[in-house]
Amino acid sequence: MGRWLIVFIVAIGSASAQCALCKANITTSNNAELAQGINQGIIYLFVIPYLLVGIVAYLWYKNYKKISQ
């Protein structure tokens, strides 16, 4: 149990470091294209998992309806 707690704490620290790195790159560069690219990357990483889950759920529901009829 204690090992998993340590792994969890280490993972949180490395995850928040990535956000700080992105923020530091944007604030120091004053490059609008860089900021837009990072924002598009965040949106891409946010949307794709939900889109895939939605497609799988739709196909599962469609198959369930076909079997139950």
Protein backbone atom coordinates (compact mmCIF):
# COMPACT_ATOMS: atom_id res chain seq x y z
CA MET A 1 0.00 0.00 0.00
CA GLY A 2 2.79 2.41 0.88
CA ARG A 3 4.58 1.82 -2.42
CA TRP A 4 1.50 2.85 -4.41
CA LEU A 5 1.18 6.04 -2.40
CA ILE A 6 4.78 6.95 -3.22
CA VAL A 7 4.25 6.18 -6.92
CA PHE A 8 1.09 8.32 -6.90
CA ILE A 9 2.87 11.27 -5.28
CA VAL A 10 5.78 11.04 -7.75
CA ALA A 11 3.35 10.86 -10.70
CA ILE A 12 1.51 13.98 -9.54
CA GLY A 13 4.77 15.90 -9.29
CA SER A 14 5.87 14.98 -12.80
CA ALA A 15 2.42 15.72 -14.26
CA SER A 16 2.30 19.23 -12.84
CA ALA A 17 5.86 19.88 -14.03
CA GLN A 18 4.71 19.49 -17.63
CA CYS A 19 2.11 22.22 -17.21
CA ALA A 20 4.67 24.55 -15.69
CA LEU A 21 7.02 23.85 -18.58
CA CYS A 22 4.38 24.74 -21.16
CA LYS A 23 3.48 27.91 -19.28
CA ALA A 24 7.13 28.94 -19.05
CA ASN A 25 7.64 28.41 -22.79
CA ILE A 26 4.63 30.54 -23.68
CA THR A 27 5.44 33.39 -21.31
CA THR A 28 9.10 33.66 -22.30
CA SER A 29 8.65 33.42 -26.06
CA ASN A 30 5.86 36.00 -26.69
CA ASN A 31 5.09 33.95 -29.82
CA ALA A 32 1.41 33.85 -30.74
CA GLU A 33 1.89 30.83 -33.03
CA LEU A 34 3.47 28.84 -30.20
CA ALA A 35 0.59 29.69 -27.86
CA GLN A 36 -1.97 28.75 -30.51
CA GLY A 37 -0.16 25.46 -31.20
CA ILE A 38 -0.08 24.53 -27.52
CA ASN A 39 -3.77 25.40 -27.14
CA GLN A 40 -4.66 23.26 -30.16
CA GLY A 41 -2.60 20.40 -28.71
CA ILE A 42 -4.47 20.63 -25.42
CA ILE A 43 -7.82 20.57 -27.22
CA TYR A 44 -6.69 17.60 -29.33
CA LEU A 45 -5.60 15.65 -26.25
CA PHE A 46 -8.87 16.52 -24.52
CA VAL A 47 -11.28 15.66 -27.35
CA ILE A 48 -9.84 12.43 -28.79
CA PRO A 49 -10.49 10.15 -25.76
CA TYR A 50 -14.09 11.36 -25.44
CA LEU A 51 -14.64 10.94 -29.15
CA LEU A 52 -13.32 7.37 -29.08
CA VAL A 53 -15.45 6.47 -26.06
CA GLY A 54 -18.50 7.98 -27.77
CA ILE A 55 -17.91 5.97 -30.95
CA VAL A 56 -17.48 2.73 -28.99
CA ALA A 57 -20.62 3.46 -26.94
CA TYR A 58 -22.64 4.19 -30.10
CA LEU A 59 -21.48 0.99 -31.81
CA TRP A 60 -22.17 -1.03 -28.66
CA TYR A 61 -25.69 0.45 -28.37
CA LYS A 62 -26.37 -0.12 -32.06
CA ASN A 63 -25.25 -3.75 -31.78
CA TYR A 64 -27.33 -4.24 -28.60
CA LYS A 65 -30.46 -2.91 -30.31
CA LYS A 66 -29.87 -5.19 -33.31
CA ILE A 67 -29.52 -8.27 -31.08
CA SER A 68 -32.58 -7.47 -28.94
CA GLN A 69 -34.93 -7.08 -31.93
